[in-house]
């Protein structure tokens, strides 16, 4: 695995129990890439993420993340799940959500002061500071998504993975999230993002892959053809 390759998958199949969702996946993600992930519902996009994060053990093939097994490599990844997976009734503030993302770096637990400074930086860069004390149940969809992104950035990861971060957001909120992504990309962050909406990010994406039981890289021309034919989703 080359030094600038953060994720390497060769012949990987994975799923849940006897149900195989992905088969024969070959994929490499390199440092500094912005990879957009598209495909139909149920095609395996989230399963791909869960496999990279070490939450699912592949039934076949090999996978390396950050030069080692996913269970270790995932410690260097910031993950933003779909917002619908979080219980808004949970008694926590936006700041509490961000603090949940703090964890050891390189196996070493930073001091309390360092942790606090990391959380503060993450909140400032995502615009969470202004509503840090609000309960998550009172946040708008865009504010909650900003808190999730800040949580993922709080541990200062080498790579960011986002599962449909702009889903169900109005245009203004979507633009705010895209602005944050543009900033982290400009700093050289490696980003892998599942999306059903390429508007606003298509020109920024270095690579686009389509996941539907297996994975293949597609060109922008392919994307436009699928959109016209109704086959993107």
C-alpha atoms as a PDB file:
ATOM      1  CA  UNK A   1       0.000   0.000   0.000  1.00  0.00           C
ATOM      2  CA  UNK A   2       1.560   3.291  -1.124  1.00  0.00           C
ATOM      3  CA  UNK A   3       2.144   6.027   1.434  1.00  0.00           C
ATOM      4  CA  UNK A   4      -0.455   8.380  -0.063  1.00  0.00           C
ATOM      5  CA  UNK A   5      -3.121   5.641  -0.296  1.00  0.00           C
ATOM      6  CA  UNK A   6      -5.468   5.921   2.685  1.00  0.00           C
ATOM      7  CA  UNK A   7      -7.972   3.210   1.705  1.00  0.00           C
ATOM      8  CA  UNK A   8      -7.222   0.144  -0.403  1.00  0.00           C
ATOM      9  CA  UNK A   9      -9.861  -2.517  -1.157  1.00  0.00           C
ATOM     10  CA  UNK A  10      -9.206  -5.564  -3.331  1.00  0.00           C
ATOM     11  CA  UNK A  11     -11.934  -8.068  -4.204  1.00  0.00           C
ATOM     12  CA  UNK A  12     -13.939  -7.097  -1.130  1.00  0.00           C
ATOM     13  CA  UNK A  13     -17.392  -8.556  -0.514  1.00  0.00           C
ATOM     14  CA  UNK A  14     -19.392  -7.657   2.580  1.00  0.00           C
ATOM     15  CA  UNK A  15     -22.889  -7.550   3.986  1.00  0.00           C
ATOM     16  CA  UNK A  16     -24.959  -8.626   6.944  1.00  0.00           C
ATOM     17  CA  UNK A  17     -24.968 -12.272   7.925  1.00  0.00           C
ATOM     18  CA  UNK A  18     -25.844 -14.327   4.866  1.00  0.00           C
ATOM     19  CA  UNK A  19     -26.996 -11.275   2.941  1.00  0.00           C
ATOM     20  CA  UNK A  20     -24.212 -10.099   0.631  1.00  0.00           C
ATOM     21  CA  UNK A  21     -24.651  -6.405  -0.162  1.00  0.00           C
ATOM     22  CA  UNK A  22     -21.328  -5.640  -1.867  1.00  0.00           C
ATOM     23  CA  UNK A  23     -19.300  -7.963  -4.049  1.00  0.00           C
ATOM     24  CA  UNK A  24     -15.821  -7.797  -5.583  1.00  0.00           C
ATOM     25  CA  UNK A  25     -15.123  -4.168  -4.659  1.00  0.00           C
ATOM     26  CA  UNK A  26     -11.800  -2.774  -5.861  1.00  0.00           C
ATOM     27  CA  UNK A  27     -11.162   0.759  -4.707  1.00  0.00           C
ATOM     28  CA  UNK A  28      -8.351   3.091  -3.726  1.00  0.00           C
ATOM     29  CA  UNK A  29      -8.667   6.465  -2.034  1.00  0.00           C
ATOM     30  CA  UNK A  30      -5.631   8.719  -2.008  1.00  0.00           C
ATOM     31  CA  UNK A  31      -4.567  11.492   0.282  1.00  0.00           C
ATOM     32  CA  UNK A  32      -6.210  14.784  -0.682  1.00  0.00           C
ATOM     33  CA  UNK A  33      -8.958  13.166  -2.795  1.00  0.00           C
ATOM     34  CA  UNK A  34     -12.556  14.348  -2.705  1.00  0.00           C
ATOM     35  CA  UNK A  35     -14.584  11.297  -3.705  1.00  0.00           C
ATOM     36  CA  UNK A  36     -18.336  11.612  -4.244  1.00  0.00           C
ATOM     37  CA  UNK A  37     -20.313   8.391  -3.799  1.00  0.00           C
ATOM     38  CA  UNK A  38     -23.601   7.994  -5.697  1.00  0.00           C
ATOM     39  CA  UNK A  39     -25.974   5.132  -6.420  1.00  0.00           C
ATOM     40  CA  UNK A  40     -29.482   3.809  -5.801  1.00  0.00           C
ATOM     41  CA  UNK A  41     -31.022   3.364  -2.377  1.00  0.00           C
ATOM     42  CA  UNK A  42     -30.119  -0.076  -1.084  1.00  0.00           C
ATOM     43  CA  UNK A  43     -27.200  -0.339  -3.482  1.00  0.00           C
ATOM     44  CA  UNK A  44     -24.618  -0.552  -0.698  1.00  0.00           C
ATOM     45  CA  UNK A  45     -23.283   2.969  -0.194  1.00  0.00           C
ATOM     46  CA  UNK A  46     -23.642   2.951   3.591  1.00  0.00           C
ATOM     47  CA  UNK A  47     -22.411  -0.660   3.697  1.00  0.00           C
ATOM     48  CA  UNK A  48     -19.270   0.494   1.879  1.00  0.00           C
ATOM     49  CA  UNK A  49     -18.728   3.147   4.545  1.00  0.00           C
ATOM     50  CA  UNK A  50     -19.356   0.701   7.383  1.00  0.00           C
ATOM     51  CA  UNK A  51     -16.839  -1.721   5.859  1.00  0.00           C
ATOM     52  CA  UNK A  52     -14.159   0.962   5.627  1.00  0.00           C
ATOM     53  CA  UNK A  53     -14.879   2.027   9.220  1.00  0.00           C
ATOM     54  CA  UNK A  54     -14.430  -1.539  10.454  1.00  0.00           C
ATOM     55  CA  UNK A  55     -18.051  -1.911  11.524  1.00  0.00           C
ATOM     56  CA  UNK A  56     -18.574  -4.810   9.087  1.00  0.00           C
ATOM     57  CA  UNK A  57     -16.093  -7.635   8.552  1.00  0.00           C
ATOM     58  CA  UNK A  58     -15.649  -8.454   4.836  1.00  0.00           C
ATOM     59  CA  UNK A  59     -16.604 -11.971   3.806  1.00  0.00           C
ATOM     60  CA  UNK A  60     -13.974 -11.946   1.047  1.00  0.00           C
ATOM     61  CA  UNK A  61     -11.079  -9.835  -0.181  1.00  0.00           C
ATOM     62  CA  UNK A  62      -8.618  -7.572   1.583  1.00  0.00           C
ATOM     63  CA  UNK A  63      -8.910  -4.040   2.917  1.00  0.00           C
ATOM     64  CA  UNK A  64      -6.386  -1.664   4.429  1.00  0.00           C
ATOM     65  CA  UNK A  65      -7.218   1.692   5.988  1.00  0.00           C
ATOM     66  CA  UNK A  66      -4.378   4.067   6.850  1.00  0.00           C
ATOM     67  CA  UNK A  67      -1.914   1.237   6.285  1.00  0.00           C
ATOM     68  CA  UNK A  68      -3.557  -1.239   8.658  1.00  0.00           C
ATOM     69  CA  UNK A  69      -6.814  -3.009   9.469  1.00  0.00           C
ATOM     70  CA  UNK A  70      -9.978  -0.870   9.448  1.00  0.00           C
ATOM     71  CA  UNK A  71     -10.418  -1.339  13.215  1.00  0.00           C
ATOM     72  CA  UNK A  72      -7.250   0.696  13.749  1.00  0.00           C
ATOM     73  CA  UNK A  73      -7.328   2.952  10.705  1.00  0.00           C
ATOM     74  CA  UNK A  74     -10.796   4.244  11.566  1.00  0.00           C
ATOM     75  CA  UNK A  75      -9.310   6.096  14.544  1.00  0.00           C
ATOM     76  CA  UNK A  76      -7.930   8.603  12.045  1.00  0.00           C
ATOM     77  CA  UNK A  77     -11.287   9.093  10.317  1.00  0.00           C
ATOM     78  CA  UNK A  78     -13.992  11.602  11.200  1.00  0.00           C
ATOM     79  CA  UNK A  79     -17.438  10.202  10.413  1.00  0.00           C
ATOM     80  CA  UNK A  80     -20.671  12.141   9.842  1.00  0.00           C
ATOM     81  CA  UNK A  81     -23.659   9.740   9.820  1.00  0.00           C
ATOM     82  CA  UNK A  82     -27.071  10.494   8.389  1.00  0.00           C
ATOM     83  CA  UNK A  83     -28.743  13.033  10.694  1.00  0.00           C
ATOM     84  CA  UNK A  84     -31.845  10.858  11.020  1.00  0.00           C
ATOM     85  CA  UNK A  85     -29.844   8.299  13.021  1.00  0.00           C
ATOM     86  CA  UNK A  86     -29.513  10.691  15.986  1.00  0.00           C
ATOM     87  CA  UNK A  87     -32.246  10.973  18.617  1.00  0.00           C
ATOM     88  CA  UNK A  88     -33.192  14.640  18.918  1.00  0.00           C
ATOM     89  CA  UNK A  89     -34.760  13.945  22.325  1.00  0.00           C
ATOM     90  CA  UNK A  90     -31.360  13.119  23.746  1.00  0.00           C
ATOM     91  CA  UNK A  91     -30.612  15.660  26.509  1.00  0.00           C
ATOM     92  CA  UNK A  92     -27.502  17.225  25.013  1.00  0.00           C
ATOM     93  CA  UNK A  93     -26.395  20.601  23.724  1.00  0.00           C
ATOM     94  CA  UNK A  94     -24.653  21.274  20.428  1.00  0.00           C
ATOM     95  CA  UNK A  95     -21.382  21.552  22.340  1.00  0.00           C
ATOM     96  CA  UNK A  96     -21.993  18.164  23.987  1.00  0.00           C
ATOM     97  CA  UNK A  97     -22.390  16.632  20.521  1.00  0.00           C
ATOM     98  CA  UNK A  98     -19.060  18.099  19.418  1.00  0.00           C
ATOM     99  CA  UNK A  99     -17.299  16.853  22.555  1.00  0.00           C
ATOM    100  CA  UNK A 100     -18.450  13.303  21.750  1.00  0.00           C
ATOM    101  CA  UNK A 101     -16.011  13.323  18.846  1.00  0.00           C
ATOM    102  CA  UNK A 102     -12.923  13.730  21.010  1.00  0.00           C
ATOM    103  CA  UNK A 103     -10.800  10.614  21.257  1.00  0.00           C
ATOM    104  CA  UNK A 104      -7.151   9.548  21.545  1.00  0.00           C
ATOM    105  CA  UNK A 105      -4.846  10.434  18.666  1.00  0.00           C
ATOM    106  CA  UNK A 106      -2.291   7.863  17.616  1.00  0.00           C
ATOM    107  CA  UNK A 107      -3.290   5.904  20.752  1.00  0.00           C
ATOM    108  CA  UNK A 108      -2.356   8.805  23.039  1.00  0.00           C
ATOM    109  CA  UNK A 109      -4.975  10.673  25.075  1.00  0.00           C
ATOM    110  CA  UNK A 110      -4.312  14.436  24.845  1.00  0.00           C
ATOM    111  CA  UNK A 111      -4.608  16.631  27.914  1.00  0.00           C
ATOM    112  CA  UNK A 112      -7.984  18.086  28.890  1.00  0.00           C
ATOM    113  CA  UNK A 113      -6.809  21.493  27.714  1.00  0.00           C
ATOM    114  CA  UNK A 114      -5.783  20.150  24.307  1.00  0.00           C
ATOM    115  CA  UNK A 115      -9.122  18.396  23.946  1.00  0.00           C
ATOM    116  CA  UNK A 116     -10.998  21.577  24.777  1.00  0.00           C
ATOM    117  CA  UNK A 117      -8.933  23.579  22.287  1.00  0.00           C
ATOM    118  CA  UNK A 118      -9.606  21.006  19.547  1.00  0.00           C
ATOM    119  CA  UNK A 119     -13.336  21.191  20.232  1.00  0.00           C
ATOM    120  CA  UNK A 120     -13.242  24.989  20.202  1.00  0.00           C
ATOM    121  CA  UNK A 121     -11.453  25.026  16.849  1.00  0.00           C
ATOM    122  CA  UNK A 122     -13.960  22.593  15.375  1.00  0.00           C
ATOM    123  CA  UNK A 123     -16.909  24.683  16.577  1.00  0.00           C
ATOM    124  CA  UNK A 124     -15.413  27.916  15.268  1.00  0.00           C
ATOM    125  CA  UNK A 125     -14.670  26.580  11.795  1.00  0.00           C
ATOM    126  CA  UNK A 126     -18.191  25.137  11.424  1.00  0.00           C
ATOM    127  CA  UNK A 127     -20.093  28.056  12.953  1.00  0.00           C
ATOM    128  CA  UNK A 128     -21.357  26.054  15.944  1.00  0.00           C
ATOM    129  CA  UNK A 129     -19.993  28.467  18.555  1.00  0.00           C
ATOM    130  CA  UNK A 130     -22.964  30.815  18.251  1.00  0.00           C
ATOM    131  CA  UNK A 131     -25.475  28.127  19.242  1.00  0.00           C
ATOM    132  CA  UNK A 132     -23.222  25.836  21.296  1.00  0.00           C
ATOM    133  CA  UNK A 133     -25.485  25.931  24.382  1.00  0.00           C
ATOM    134  CA  UNK A 134     -28.730  25.142  22.575  1.00  0.00           C
ATOM    135  CA  UNK A 135     -30.313  21.721  23.042  1.00  0.00           C
ATOM    136  CA  UNK A 136     -30.143  19.562  19.941  1.00  0.00           C
ATOM    137  CA  UNK A 137     -33.928  19.261  19.914  1.00  0.00           C
ATOM    138  CA  UNK A 138     -34.127  23.016  19.301  1.00  0.00           C
ATOM    139  CA  UNK A 139     -31.618  23.118  16.448  1.00  0.00           C
ATOM    140  CA  UNK A 140     -32.525  23.491  12.788  1.00  0.00           C
ATOM    141  CA  UNK A 141     -31.487  20.749  10.381  1.00  0.00           C
ATOM    142  CA  UNK A 142     -28.572  22.820   9.150  1.00  0.00           C
ATOM    143  CA  UNK A 143     -27.369  23.638  12.668  1.00  0.00           C
ATOM    144  CA  UNK A 144     -27.504  19.991  13.700  1.00  0.00           C
ATOM    145  CA  UNK A 145     -25.538  18.990  10.619  1.00  0.00           C
ATOM    146  CA  UNK A 146     -22.900  21.607  11.453  1.00  0.00           C
ATOM    147  CA  UNK A 147     -22.634  20.104  14.941  1.00  0.00           C
ATOM    148  CA  UNK A 148     -22.155  16.635  13.445  1.00  0.00           C
ATOM    149  CA  UNK A 149     -19.390  17.904  11.161  1.00  0.00           C
ATOM    150  CA  UNK A 150     -17.737  19.692  14.092  1.00  0.00           C
ATOM    151  CA  UNK A 151     -17.897  16.444  16.073  1.00  0.00           C
ATOM    152  CA  UNK A 152     -16.138  14.624  13.221  1.00  0.00           C
ATOM    153  CA  UNK A 153     -13.452  17.327  13.001  1.00  0.00           C
ATOM    154  CA  UNK A 154     -12.875  17.624  16.743  1.00  0.00           C
ATOM    155  CA  UNK A 155     -10.317  14.798  16.818  1.00  0.00           C
ATOM    156  CA  UNK A 156      -8.419  16.415  13.926  1.00  0.00           C
ATOM    157  CA  UNK A 157      -8.735  13.390  11.604  1.00  0.00           C
ATOM    158  CA  UNK A 158      -6.762  12.683   8.451  1.00  0.00           C
ATOM    159  CA  UNK A 159      -9.922  11.837   6.531  1.00  0.00           C
ATOM    160  CA  UNK A 160     -13.595  12.813   6.632  1.00  0.00           C
ATOM    161  CA  UNK A 161     -16.474  10.502   5.659  1.00  0.00           C
ATOM    162  CA  UNK A 162     -19.980  11.944   5.314  1.00  0.00           C
ATOM    163  CA  UNK A 163     -23.220  10.048   4.692  1.00  0.00           C
ATOM    164  CA  UNK A 164     -25.630  12.359   2.840  1.00  0.00           C
ATOM    165  CA  UNK A 165     -24.776  15.509   4.835  1.00  0.00           C
ATOM    166  CA  UNK A 166     -27.079  17.771   2.782  1.00  0.00           C
ATOM    167  CA  UNK A 167     -30.133  15.479   2.695  1.00  0.00           C
ATOM    168  CA  UNK A 168     -33.419  17.182   3.703  1.00  0.00           C
ATOM    169  CA  UNK A 169     -31.760  20.593   4.003  1.00  0.00           C
ATOM    170  CA  UNK A 170     -33.140  23.701   2.346  1.00  0.00           C
ATOM    171  CA  UNK A 171     -30.916  25.483  -0.236  1.00  0.00           C
ATOM    172  CA  UNK A 172     -29.502  27.970   2.299  1.00  0.00           C
ATOM    173  CA  UNK A 173     -28.601  25.259   4.814  1.00  0.00           C
ATOM    174  CA  UNK A 174     -27.154  23.102   2.027  1.00  0.00           C
ATOM    175  CA  UNK A 175     -24.981  25.995   0.894  1.00  0.00           C
ATOM    176  CA  UNK A 176     -23.700  26.401   4.458  1.00  0.00           C
ATOM    177  CA  UNK A 177     -22.644  22.766   4.688  1.00  0.00           C
ATOM    178  CA  UNK A 178     -21.010  22.917   1.243  1.00  0.00           C
ATOM    179  CA  UNK A 179     -19.089  26.003   2.370  1.00  0.00           C
ATOM    180  CA  UNK A 180     -17.634  24.069   5.307  1.00  0.00           C
ATOM    181  CA  UNK A 181     -16.661  21.228   2.995  1.00  0.00           C
ATOM    182  CA  UNK A 182     -14.975  23.677   0.619  1.00  0.00           C
ATOM    183  CA  UNK A 183     -12.911  24.997   3.517  1.00  0.00           C
ATOM    184  CA  UNK A 184     -11.683  21.615   4.726  1.00  0.00           C
ATOM    185  CA  UNK A 185     -10.951  20.573   1.134  1.00  0.00           C
ATOM    186  CA  UNK A 186      -8.880  23.713   0.622  1.00  0.00           C
ATOM    187  CA  UNK A 187      -6.797  22.622   3.608  1.00  0.00           C
ATOM    188  CA  UNK A 188      -6.019  19.302   1.939  1.00  0.00           C
ATOM    189  CA  UNK A 189      -8.462  17.105   3.867  1.00  0.00           C
ATOM    190  CA  UNK A 190      -9.335  13.780   2.229  1.00  0.00           C
ATOM    191  CA  UNK A 191     -13.127  13.540   1.885  1.00  0.00           C
ATOM    192  CA  UNK A 192     -15.448  10.690   0.919  1.00  0.00           C
ATOM    193  CA  UNK A 193     -19.106  11.707   0.734  1.00  0.00           C
ATOM    194  CA  UNK A 194     -22.327   9.859  -0.069  1.00  0.00           C
ATOM    195  CA  UNK A 195     -24.806  12.091  -1.848  1.00  0.00           C
ATOM    196  CA  UNK A 196     -27.941  11.990  -3.951  1.00  0.00           C
ATOM    197  CA  UNK A 197     -27.414  15.588  -4.975  1.00  0.00           C
ATOM    198  CA  UNK A 198     -24.264  16.476  -6.891  1.00  0.00           C
ATOM    199  CA  UNK A 199     -25.300  20.098  -7.360  1.00  0.00           C
ATOM    200  CA  UNK A 200     -22.670  22.327  -5.807  1.00  0.00           C
ATOM    201  CA  UNK A 201     -20.045  19.605  -5.395  1.00  0.00           C
ATOM    202  CA  UNK A 202     -19.752  17.977  -8.826  1.00  0.00           C
ATOM    203  CA  UNK A 203     -17.108  20.456  -9.971  1.00  0.00           C
ATOM    204  CA  UNK A 204     -15.195  20.057  -6.703  1.00  0.00           C
ATOM    205  CA  UNK A 205     -15.132  16.256  -6.683  1.00  0.00           C
ATOM    206  CA  UNK A 206     -11.890  14.717  -7.932  1.00  0.00           C
ATOM    207  CA  UNK A 207     -13.578  11.365  -8.460  1.00  0.00           C
ATOM    208  CA  UNK A 208     -17.136  10.028  -8.555  1.00  0.00           C
ATOM    209  CA  UNK A 209     -17.964   6.391  -7.866  1.00  0.00           C
ATOM    210  CA  UNK A 210     -21.300   4.640  -8.314  1.00  0.00           C
ATOM    211  CA  UNK A 211     -22.217   1.927  -5.836  1.00  0.00           C
ATOM    212  CA  UNK A 212     -24.820  -0.654  -6.812  1.00  0.00           C
ATOM    213  CA  UNK A 213     -23.791  -4.024  -5.363  1.00  0.00           C
ATOM    214  CA  UNK A 214     -20.337  -3.356  -6.703  1.00  0.00           C
ATOM    215  CA  UNK A 215     -18.310  -0.186  -7.249  1.00  0.00           C
ATOM    216  CA  UNK A 216     -17.229   1.505 -10.439  1.00  0.00           C
ATOM    217  CA  UNK A 217     -15.731   4.879 -11.116  1.00  0.00           C
ATOM    218  CA  UNK A 218     -17.769   7.079 -13.433  1.00  0.00           C
ATOM    219  CA  UNK A 219     -17.073  10.206 -15.438  1.00  0.00           C
ATOM    220  CA  UNK A 220     -19.083  13.402 -15.322  1.00  0.00           C
ATOM    221  CA  UNK A 221     -20.414  12.481 -18.744  1.00  0.00           C
ATOM    222  CA  UNK A 222     -21.710   9.200 -17.319  1.00  0.00           C
ATOM    223  CA  UNK A 223     -23.376  11.118 -14.492  1.00  0.00           C
ATOM    224  CA  UNK A 224     -25.179  13.468 -16.875  1.00  0.00           C
ATOM    225  CA  UNK A 225     -26.356  10.506 -18.957  1.00  0.00           C
ATOM    226  CA  UNK A 226     -27.686   8.729 -15.865  1.00  0.00           C
ATOM    227  CA  UNK A 227     -29.428  11.886 -14.669  1.00  0.00           C
ATOM    228  CA  UNK A 228     -31.147  12.318 -18.029  1.00  0.00           C
ATOM    229  CA  UNK A 229     -32.155   8.679 -18.066  1.00  0.00           C
ATOM    230  CA  UNK A 230     -33.245   8.647 -14.446  1.00  0.00           C
ATOM    231  CA  UNK A 231     -30.548   6.143 -13.557  1.00  0.00           C
ATOM    232  CA  UNK A 232     -28.397   8.095 -11.111  1.00  0.00           C
ATOM    233  CA  UNK A 233     -30.348   6.966  -8.078  1.00  0.00           C
END
